[in-house]
PDB file of N, CA and C in Angstrom:
ATOM      1  N   MET A   1      11.707   6.332  18.129  1.00  0.00           N
ATOM      2  CA  MET A   1      12.022   5.080  17.471  1.00  0.00           C
ATOM      3  C   MET A   1      13.535   4.916  17.494  1.00  0.00           C
ATOM      4  N   ASN A   2      14.012   3.865  18.116  1.00  0.00           N
ATOM      5  CA  ASN A   2      15.457   3.668  18.190  1.00  0.00           C
ATOM      6  C   ASN A   2      15.896   2.546  17.248  1.00  0.00           C
ATOM      7  N   VAL A   3      17.180   2.340  17.185  1.00  0.00           N
ATOM      8  CA  VAL A   3      17.752   1.362  16.266  1.00  0.00           C
ATOM      9  C   VAL A   3      17.294  -0.048  16.614  1.00  0.00           C
ATOM     10  N   LEU A   4      17.127  -0.340  17.887  1.00  0.00           N
ATOM     11  CA  LEU A   4      16.707  -1.691  18.288  1.00  0.00           C
ATOM     12  C   LEU A   4      15.323  -2.042  17.747  1.00  0.00           C
ATOM     13  N   SER A   5      14.476  -1.054  17.586  1.00  0.00           N
ATOM     14  CA  SER A   5      13.158  -1.318  16.997  1.00  0.00           C
ATOM     15  C   SER A   5      13.312  -1.830  15.567  1.00  0.00           C
ATOM     16  N   PHE A   6      14.206  -1.206  14.825  1.00  0.00           N
ATOM     17  CA  PHE A   6      14.417  -1.626  13.445  1.00  0.00           C
ATOM     18  C   PHE A   6      15.066  -3.003  13.376  1.00  0.00           C
ATOM     19  N   VAL A   7      15.932  -3.310  14.333  1.00  0.00           N
ATOM     20  CA  VAL A   7      16.532  -4.646  14.398  1.00  0.00           C
ATOM     21  C   VAL A   7      15.436  -5.675  14.670  1.00  0.00           C
ATOM     22  N   GLY A   8      14.512  -5.332  15.541  1.00  0.00           N
ATOM     23  CA  GLY A   8      13.389  -6.231  15.822  1.00  0.00           C
ATOM     24  C   GLY A   8      12.541  -6.471  14.589  1.00  0.00           C
ATOM     25  N   PHE A   9      12.297  -5.422  13.815  1.00  0.00           N
ATOM     26  CA  PHE A   9      11.538  -5.581  12.577  1.00  0.00           C
ATOM     27  C   PHE A   9      12.280  -6.472  11.593  1.00  0.00           C
ATOM     28  N   ALA A  10      13.592  -6.310  11.516  1.00  0.00           N
ATOM     29  CA  ALA A  10      14.399  -7.129  10.608  1.00  0.00           C
ATOM     30  C   ALA A  10      14.386  -8.589  11.035  1.00  0.00           C
ATOM     31  N   VAL A  11      14.467  -8.836  12.341  1.00  0.00           N
ATOM     32  CA  VAL A  11      14.423 -10.214  12.844  1.00  0.00           C
ATOM     33  C   VAL A  11      13.055 -10.837  12.566  1.00  0.00           C
ATOM     34  N   LEU A  12      11.998 -10.066  12.766  1.00  0.00           N
ATOM     35  CA  LEU A  12      10.654 -10.570  12.467  1.00  0.00           C
ATOM     36  C   LEU A  12      10.506 -10.879  10.984  1.00  0.00           C
ATOM     37  N   ALA A  13      11.000 -10.003  10.125  1.00  0.00           N
ATOM     38  CA  ALA A  13      10.931 -10.244   8.680  1.00  0.00           C
ATOM     39  C   ALA A  13      11.741 -11.482   8.299  1.00  0.00           C
ATOM     40  N   ALA A  14      12.904 -11.669   8.918  1.00  0.00           N
ATOM     41  CA  ALA A  14      13.733 -12.850   8.629  1.00  0.00           C
ATOM     42  C   ALA A  14      13.026 -14.128   9.072  1.00  0.00           C
ATOM     43  N   ALA A  15      12.391 -14.092  10.242  1.00  0.00           N
ATOM     44  CA  ALA A  15      11.672 -15.272  10.726  1.00  0.00           C
ATOM     45  C   ALA A  15      10.479 -15.593   9.819  1.00  0.00           C
ATOM     46  N   LEU A  16       9.743 -14.567   9.425  1.00  0.00           N
ATOM     47  CA  LEU A  16       8.621 -14.784   8.500  1.00  0.00           C
ATOM     48  C   LEU A  16       9.116 -15.328   7.162  1.00  0.00           C
ATOM     49  N   SER A  17      10.228 -14.803   6.704  1.00  0.00           N
ATOM     50  CA  SER A  17      10.804 -15.264   5.439  1.00  0.00           C
ATOM     51  C   SER A  17      11.197 -16.733   5.535  1.00  0.00           C
ATOM     52  N   ALA A  18      11.808 -17.118   6.645  1.00  0.00           N
ATOM     53  CA  ALA A  18      12.189 -18.519   6.841  1.00  0.00           C
ATOM     54  C   ALA A  18      10.958 -19.420   6.902  1.00  0.00           C
ATOM     55  N   ALA A  19       9.876 -18.911   7.492  1.00  0.00           N
ATOM     56  CA  ALA A  19       8.649 -19.704   7.571  1.00  0.00           C
ATOM     57  C   ALA A  19       7.948 -19.808   6.217  1.00  0.00           C
ATOM     58  N   LEU A  20       8.048 -18.770   5.395  1.00  0.00           N
ATOM     59  CA  LEU A  20       7.367 -18.758   4.096  1.00  0.00           C
ATOM     60  C   LEU A  20       8.165 -19.436   2.983  1.00  0.00           C
ATOM     61  N   THR A  21       9.466 -19.610   3.172  1.00  0.00           N
ATOM     62  CA  THR A  21      10.299 -20.195   2.123  1.00  0.00           C
ATOM     63  C   THR A  21       9.868 -21.601   1.712  1.00  0.00           C
ATOM     64  N   PRO A  22       9.541 -22.501   2.650  1.00  0.00           N
ATOM     65  CA  PRO A  22       9.060 -23.822   2.208  1.00  0.00           C
ATOM     66  C   PRO A  22       7.772 -23.747   1.382  1.00  0.00           C
ATOM     67  N   LEU A  23       6.910 -22.788   1.709  1.00  0.00           N
ATOM     68  CA  LEU A  23       5.688 -22.622   0.919  1.00  0.00           C
ATOM     69  C   LEU A  23       6.013 -22.122  -0.486  1.00  0.00           C
ATOM     70  N   ALA A  24       6.977 -21.211  -0.578  1.00  0.00           N
ATOM     71  CA  ALA A  24       7.391 -20.713  -1.892  1.00  0.00           C
ATOM     72  C   ALA A  24       8.043 -21.829  -2.701  1.00  0.00           C
ATOM     73  N   ARG A  25       8.809 -22.682  -2.035  1.00  0.00           N
ATOM     74  CA  ARG A  25       9.434 -23.818  -2.722  1.00  0.00           C
ATOM     75  C   ARG A  25       8.375 -24.764  -3.263  1.00  0.00           C
ATOM     76  N   LEU A  26       7.378 -25.058  -2.435  1.00  0.00           N
ATOM     77  CA  LEU A  26       6.289 -25.939  -2.868  1.00  0.00           C
ATOM     78  C   LEU A  26       5.536 -25.324  -4.048  1.00  0.00           C
ATOM     79  N   ALA A  27       5.252 -24.034  -3.981  1.00  0.00           N
ATOM     80  CA  ALA A  27       4.563 -23.363  -5.087  1.00  0.00           C
ATOM     81  C   ALA A  27       5.423 -23.398  -6.345  1.00  0.00           C
ATOM     82  N   SER A  28       6.716 -23.213  -6.179  1.00  0.00           N
ATOM     83  CA  SER A  28       7.628 -23.246  -7.322  1.00  0.00           C
ATOM     84  C   SER A  28       7.631 -24.622  -7.985  1.00  0.00           C
ATOM     85  N   LEU A  29       7.651 -25.664  -7.178  1.00  0.00           N
ATOM     86  CA  LEU A  29       7.627 -27.025  -7.722  1.00  0.00           C
ATOM     87  C   LEU A  29       6.317 -27.312  -8.445  1.00  0.00           C
ATOM     88  N   ARG A  30       5.207 -26.868  -7.851  1.00  0.00           N
ATOM     89  CA  ARG A  30       3.898 -27.117  -8.475  1.00  0.00           C
ATOM     90  C   ARG A  30       3.703 -26.327  -9.763  1.00  0.00           C
ATOM     91  N   LEU A  31       4.257 -25.126  -9.811  1.00  0.00           N
ATOM     92  CA  LEU A  31       4.104 -24.279 -10.997  1.00  0.00           C
ATOM     93  C   LEU A  31       5.172 -24.541 -12.055  1.00  0.00           C
ATOM     94  N   GLY A  32       6.163 -25.327 -11.691  1.00  0.00           N
ATOM     95  CA  GLY A  32       7.225 -25.640 -12.640  1.00  0.00           C
ATOM     96  C   GLY A  32       8.253 -24.532 -12.781  1.00  0.00           C
ATOM     97  N   ALA A  33       8.339 -23.656 -11.811  1.00  0.00           N
ATOM     98  CA  ALA A  33       9.323 -22.571 -11.835  1.00  0.00           C
ATOM     99  C   ALA A  33      10.639 -23.097 -11.258  1.00  0.00           C
ATOM    100  N   ILE A  34      11.311 -23.916 -12.045  1.00  0.00           N
ATOM    101  CA  ILE A  34      12.527 -24.592 -11.615  1.00  0.00           C
ATOM    102  C   ILE A  34      13.673 -24.178 -12.530  1.00  0.00           C
ATOM    103  N   ASP A  35      14.807 -23.870 -11.945  1.00  0.00           N
ATOM    104  CA  ASP A  35      15.996 -23.524 -12.713  1.00  0.00           C
ATOM    105  C   ASP A  35      16.822 -24.794 -12.912  1.00  0.00           C
ATOM    106  N   GLN A  36      17.003 -25.166 -14.154  1.00  0.00           N
ATOM    107  CA  GLN A  36      17.757 -26.375 -14.474  1.00  0.00           C
ATOM    108  C   GLN A  36      19.255 -26.068 -14.528  1.00  0.00           C
ATOM    109  N   PRO A  37      20.085 -26.976 -14.021  1.00  0.00           N
ATOM    110  CA  PRO A  37      21.535 -26.737 -14.068  1.00  0.00           C
ATOM    111  C   PRO A  37      22.069 -26.815 -15.498  1.00  0.00           C
ATOM    112  N   ASP A  38      23.113 -26.072 -15.760  1.00  0.00           N
ATOM    113  CA  ASP A  38      23.848 -26.177 -17.020  1.00  0.00           C
ATOM    114  C   ASP A  38      25.298 -25.794 -16.719  1.00  0.00           C
ATOM    115  N   PRO A  39      26.181 -25.896 -17.653  1.00  0.00           N
ATOM    116  CA  PRO A  39      27.611 -25.657 -17.373  1.00  0.00           C
ATOM    117  C   PRO A  39      27.937 -24.264 -16.830  1.00  0.00           C
ATOM    118  N   ARG A  40      27.112 -23.255 -17.117  1.00  0.00           N
ATOM    119  CA  ARG A  40      27.406 -21.894 -16.657  1.00  0.00           C
ATOM    120  C   ARG A  40      26.889 -21.611 -15.257  1.00  0.00           C
ATOM    121  N   LYS A  41      26.150 -22.518 -14.660  1.00  0.00           N
ATOM    122  CA  LYS A  41      25.527 -22.275 -13.354  1.00  0.00           C
ATOM    123  C   LYS A  41      26.270 -23.014 -12.248  1.00  0.00           C
ATOM    124  N   VAL A  42      26.098 -22.545 -11.035  1.00  0.00           N
ATOM    125  CA  VAL A  42      26.801 -23.111  -9.892  1.00  0.00           C
ATOM    126  C   VAL A  42      26.119 -24.376  -9.381  1.00  0.00           C
ATOM    127  N   HIS A  43      24.800 -24.398  -9.386  1.00  0.00           N
ATOM    128  CA  HIS A  43      24.087 -25.528  -8.801  1.00  0.00           C
ATOM    129  C   HIS A  43      24.146 -26.765  -9.696  1.00  0.00           C
ATOM    130  N   ARG A  44      24.116 -27.920  -9.065  1.00  0.00           N
ATOM    131  CA  ARG A  44      24.230 -29.198  -9.769  1.00  0.00           C
ATOM    132  C   ARG A  44      22.895 -29.926  -9.909  1.00  0.00           C
ATOM    133  N   LYS A  45      21.881 -29.456  -9.185  1.00  0.00           N
ATOM    134  CA  LYS A  45      20.554 -30.077  -9.276  1.00  0.00           C
ATOM    135  C   LYS A  45      19.511 -28.984  -9.497  1.00  0.00           C
ATOM    136  N   PRO A  46      18.329 -29.340  -9.966  1.00  0.00           N
ATOM    137  CA  PRO A  46      17.285 -28.328 -10.205  1.00  0.00           C
ATOM    138  C   PRO A  46      16.962 -27.545  -8.928  1.00  0.00           C
ATOM    139  N   MET A  47      16.800 -26.232  -9.075  1.00  0.00           N
ATOM    140  CA  MET A  47      16.542 -25.355  -7.931  1.00  0.00           C
ATOM    141  C   MET A  47      15.250 -24.565  -8.151  1.00  0.00           C
ATOM    142  N   PRO A  48      14.396 -24.484  -7.126  1.00  0.00           N
ATOM    143  CA  PRO A  48      13.189 -23.648  -7.225  1.00  0.00           C
ATOM    144  C   PRO A  48      13.582 -22.181  -7.376  1.00  0.00           C
ATOM    145  N   ARG A  49      12.770 -21.406  -8.109  1.00  0.00           N
ATOM    146  CA  ARG A  49      13.121 -20.014  -8.411  1.00  0.00           C
ATOM    147  C   ARG A  49      12.263 -18.981  -7.684  1.00  0.00           C
ATOM    148  N   MET A  50      11.408 -19.387  -6.766  1.00  0.00           N
ATOM    149  CA  MET A  50      10.491 -18.430  -6.156  1.00  0.00           C
ATOM    150  C   MET A  50      10.828 -18.082  -4.706  1.00  0.00           C
ATOM    151  N   GLY A  51      12.060 -18.333  -4.272  1.00  0.00           N
ATOM    152  CA  GLY A  51      12.441 -18.027  -2.892  1.00  0.00           C
ATOM    153  C   GLY A  51      12.383 -16.543  -2.577  1.00  0.00           C
ATOM    154  N   GLY A  52      12.682 -15.709  -3.542  1.00  0.00           N
ATOM    155  CA  GLY A  52      12.623 -14.265  -3.326  1.00  0.00           C
ATOM    156  C   GLY A  52      11.219 -13.776  -3.036  1.00  0.00           C
ATOM    157  N   LEU A  53      10.238 -14.509  -3.510  1.00  0.00           N
ATOM    158  CA  LEU A  53       8.847 -14.145  -3.239  1.00  0.00           C
ATOM    159  C   LEU A  53       8.547 -14.231  -1.744  1.00  0.00           C
ATOM    160  N   ALA A  54       9.105 -15.222  -1.070  1.00  0.00           N
ATOM    161  CA  ALA A  54       8.912 -15.355   0.372  1.00  0.00           C
ATOM    162  C   ALA A  54       9.506 -14.161   1.108  1.00  0.00           C
ATOM    163  N   VAL A  55      10.668 -13.705   0.675  1.00  0.00           N
ATOM    164  CA  VAL A  55      11.323 -12.555   1.296  1.00  0.00           C
ATOM    165  C   VAL A  55      10.488 -11.295   1.069  1.00  0.00           C
ATOM    166  N   LEU A  56      10.013 -11.102  -0.148  1.00  0.00           N
ATOM    167  CA  LEU A  56       9.203  -9.934  -0.468  1.00  0.00           C
ATOM    168  C   LEU A  56       7.912  -9.904   0.350  1.00  0.00           C
ATOM    169  N   ILE A  57       7.234 -11.035   0.436  1.00  0.00           N
ATOM    170  CA  ILE A  57       5.985 -11.097   1.210  1.00  0.00           C
ATOM    171  C   ILE A  57       6.244 -10.842   2.685  1.00  0.00           C
ATOM    172  N   ALA A  58       7.319 -11.412   3.231  1.00  0.00           N
ATOM    173  CA  ALA A  58       7.649 -11.200   4.645  1.00  0.00           C
ATOM    174  C   ALA A  58       7.928  -9.725   4.916  1.00  0.00           C
ATOM    175  N   MET A  59       8.685  -9.080   4.053  1.00  0.00           N
ATOM    176  CA  MET A  59       8.985  -7.663   4.238  1.00  0.00           C
ATOM    177  C   MET A  59       7.717  -6.822   4.130  1.00  0.00           C
ATOM    178  N   ALA A  60       6.840  -7.165   3.204  1.00  0.00           N
ATOM    179  CA  ALA A  60       5.588  -6.418   3.040  1.00  0.00           C
ATOM    180  C   ALA A  60       4.697  -6.568   4.269  1.00  0.00           C
ATOM    181  N   ILE A  61       4.619  -7.772   4.805  1.00  0.00           N
ATOM    182  CA  ILE A  61       3.800  -8.004   6.008  1.00  0.00           C
ATOM    183  C   ILE A  61       4.316  -7.166   7.167  1.00  0.00           C
ATOM    184  N   VAL A  62       5.626  -7.188   7.392  1.00  0.00           N
ATOM    185  CA  VAL A  62       6.205  -6.419   8.497  1.00  0.00           C
ATOM    186  C   VAL A  62       6.003  -4.916   8.266  1.00  0.00           C
ATOM    187  N   ALA A  63       6.163  -4.454   7.043  1.00  0.00           N
ATOM    188  CA  ALA A  63       5.971  -3.030   6.756  1.00  0.00           C
ATOM    189  C   ALA A  63       4.536  -2.597   7.015  1.00  0.00           C
ATOM    190  N   VAL A  64       3.582  -3.402   6.592  1.00  0.00           N
ATOM    191  CA  VAL A  64       2.166  -3.056   6.802  1.00  0.00           C
ATOM    192  C   VAL A  64       1.818  -3.081   8.287  1.00  0.00           C
ATOM    193  N   LEU A  65       2.292  -4.105   9.013  1.00  0.00           N
ATOM    194  CA  LEU A  65       2.017  -4.177  10.451  1.00  0.00           C
ATOM    195  C   LEU A  65       2.666  -3.022  11.202  1.00  0.00           C
ATOM    196  N   ALA A  66       3.885  -2.666  10.815  1.00  0.00           N
ATOM    197  CA  ALA A  66       4.570  -1.556  11.477  1.00  0.00           C
ATOM    198  C   ALA A  66       3.875  -0.232  11.181  1.00  0.00           C
ATOM    199  N   GLU A  67       3.469  -0.038   9.949  1.00  0.00           N
ATOM    200  CA  GLU A  67       2.784   1.203   9.575  1.00  0.00           C
ATOM    201  C   GLU A  67       1.447   1.326  10.297  1.00  0.00           C
ATOM    202  N   ALA A  68       0.772   0.194  10.519  1.00  0.00           N
ATOM    203  CA  ALA A  68      -0.517   0.211  11.210  1.00  0.00           C
ATOM    204  C   ALA A  68      -0.355   0.383  12.721  1.00  0.00           C
ATOM    205  N   GLY A  69       0.887   0.307  13.203  1.00  0.00           N
ATOM    206  CA  GLY A  69       1.126   0.460  14.639  1.00  0.00           C
ATOM    207  C   GLY A  69       0.912  -0.805  15.428  1.00  0.00           C
ATOM    208  N   LEU A  70       0.836  -1.935  14.762  1.00  0.00           N
ATOM    209  CA  LEU A  70       0.591  -3.198  15.452  1.00  0.00           C
ATOM    210  C   LEU A  70       1.861  -3.837  16.003  1.00  0.00           C
ATOM    211  N   LEU A  71       3.008  -3.231  15.741  1.00  0.00           N
ATOM    212  CA  LEU A  71       4.281  -3.753  16.244  1.00  0.00           C
ATOM    213  C   LEU A  71       4.933  -2.772  17.210  1.00  0.00           C
ATOM    214  N   GLY A  72       4.127  -2.025  17.907  1.00  0.00           N
ATOM    215  CA  GLY A  72       4.664  -1.021  18.816  1.00  0.00           C
ATOM    216  C   GLY A  72       4.336   0.358  18.289  1.00  0.00           C
ATOM    217  N   PRO A  73       5.138   1.338  18.679  1.00  0.00           N
ATOM    218  CA  PRO A  73       4.883   2.697  18.185  1.00  0.00           C
ATOM    219  C   PRO A  73       4.919   2.740  16.661  1.00  0.00           C
ATOM    220  N   ALA A  74       3.997   3.472  16.104  1.00  0.00           N
ATOM    221  CA  ALA A  74       3.893   3.532  14.640  1.00  0.00           C
ATOM    222  C   ALA A  74       5.129   4.162  14.030  1.00  0.00           C
ATOM    223  N   ILE A  75       5.549   3.609  12.922  1.00  0.00           N
ATOM    224  CA  ILE A  75       6.637   4.193  12.152  1.00  0.00           C
ATOM    225  C   ILE A  75       6.001   5.176  11.189  1.00  0.00           C
ATOM    226  N   VAL A  76       6.498   6.378  11.178  1.00  0.00           N
ATOM    227  CA  VAL A  76       5.977   7.372  10.247  1.00  0.00           C
ATOM    228  C   VAL A  76       6.852   7.331   9.003  1.00  0.00           C
ATOM    229  N   LEU A  77       6.318   6.743   7.960  1.00  0.00           N
ATOM    230  CA  LEU A  77       7.069   6.665   6.718  1.00  0.00           C
ATOM    231  C   LEU A  77       7.017   8.005   5.998  1.00  0.00           C
ATOM    232  N   PRO A  78       8.061   8.329   5.262  1.00  0.00           N
ATOM    233  CA  PRO A  78       8.019   9.542   4.454  1.00  0.00           C
ATOM    234  C   PRO A  78       6.834   9.517   3.497  1.00  0.00           C
ATOM    235  N   TRP A  79       6.359  10.696   3.139  1.00  0.00           N
ATOM    236  CA  TRP A  79       5.169  10.792   2.297  1.00  0.00           C
ATOM    237  C   TRP A  79       5.321  10.020   1.004  1.00  0.00           C
ATOM    238  N   ALA A  80       6.478  10.087   0.375  1.00  0.00           N
ATOM    239  CA  ALA A  80       6.694   9.402  -0.916  1.00  0.00           C
ATOM    240  C   ALA A  80       6.549   7.892  -0.761  1.00  0.00           C
ATOM    241  N   LEU A  81       7.013   7.331   0.346  1.00  0.00           N
ATOM    242  CA  LEU A  81       6.860   5.895   0.581  1.00  0.00           C
ATOM    243  C   LEU A  81       5.419   5.515   0.899  1.00  0.00           C
ATOM    244  N   ARG A  82       4.747   6.350   1.673  1.00  0.00           N
ATOM    245  CA  ARG A  82       3.349   6.062   2.003  1.00  0.00           C
ATOM    246  C   ARG A  82       2.486   6.042   0.752  1.00  0.00           C
ATOM    247  N   ARG A  83       2.776   6.928  -0.175  1.00  0.00           N
ATOM    248  CA  ARG A  83       2.008   6.981  -1.408  1.00  0.00           C
ATOM    249  C   ARG A  83       2.161   5.669  -2.178  1.00  0.00           C
ATOM    250  N   GLY A  84       3.361   5.048  -2.117  1.00  0.00           N
ATOM    251  CA  GLY A  84       3.605   3.801  -2.807  1.00  0.00           C
ATOM    252  C   GLY A  84       2.926   2.610  -2.170  1.00  0.00           C
ATOM    253  N   LEU A  85       2.644   2.695  -0.864  1.00  0.00           N
ATOM    254  CA  LEU A  85       1.977   1.587  -0.180  1.00  0.00           C
ATOM    255  C   LEU A  85       0.507   1.671  -0.479  1.00  0.00           C
TER     256      LEU A  85
END
């Protein structure tokens, strides 16, 4: 397993995250998970708060696919990490 394999996984996770972000935004709007602006915050308009969920799901998908060997040679995760999955 070389460094380029990990770069490929990161690019795939970033692409999945970009694809899932609009869905997370829509879910945030429907659920009312909106951060309202106030004087202490940087944003000037209401912002959805579930964007991190898209990143987490994308990373989980790539990790599961990589562990299953569906993205090339299987990544052997350390035992402690495998136990957590």
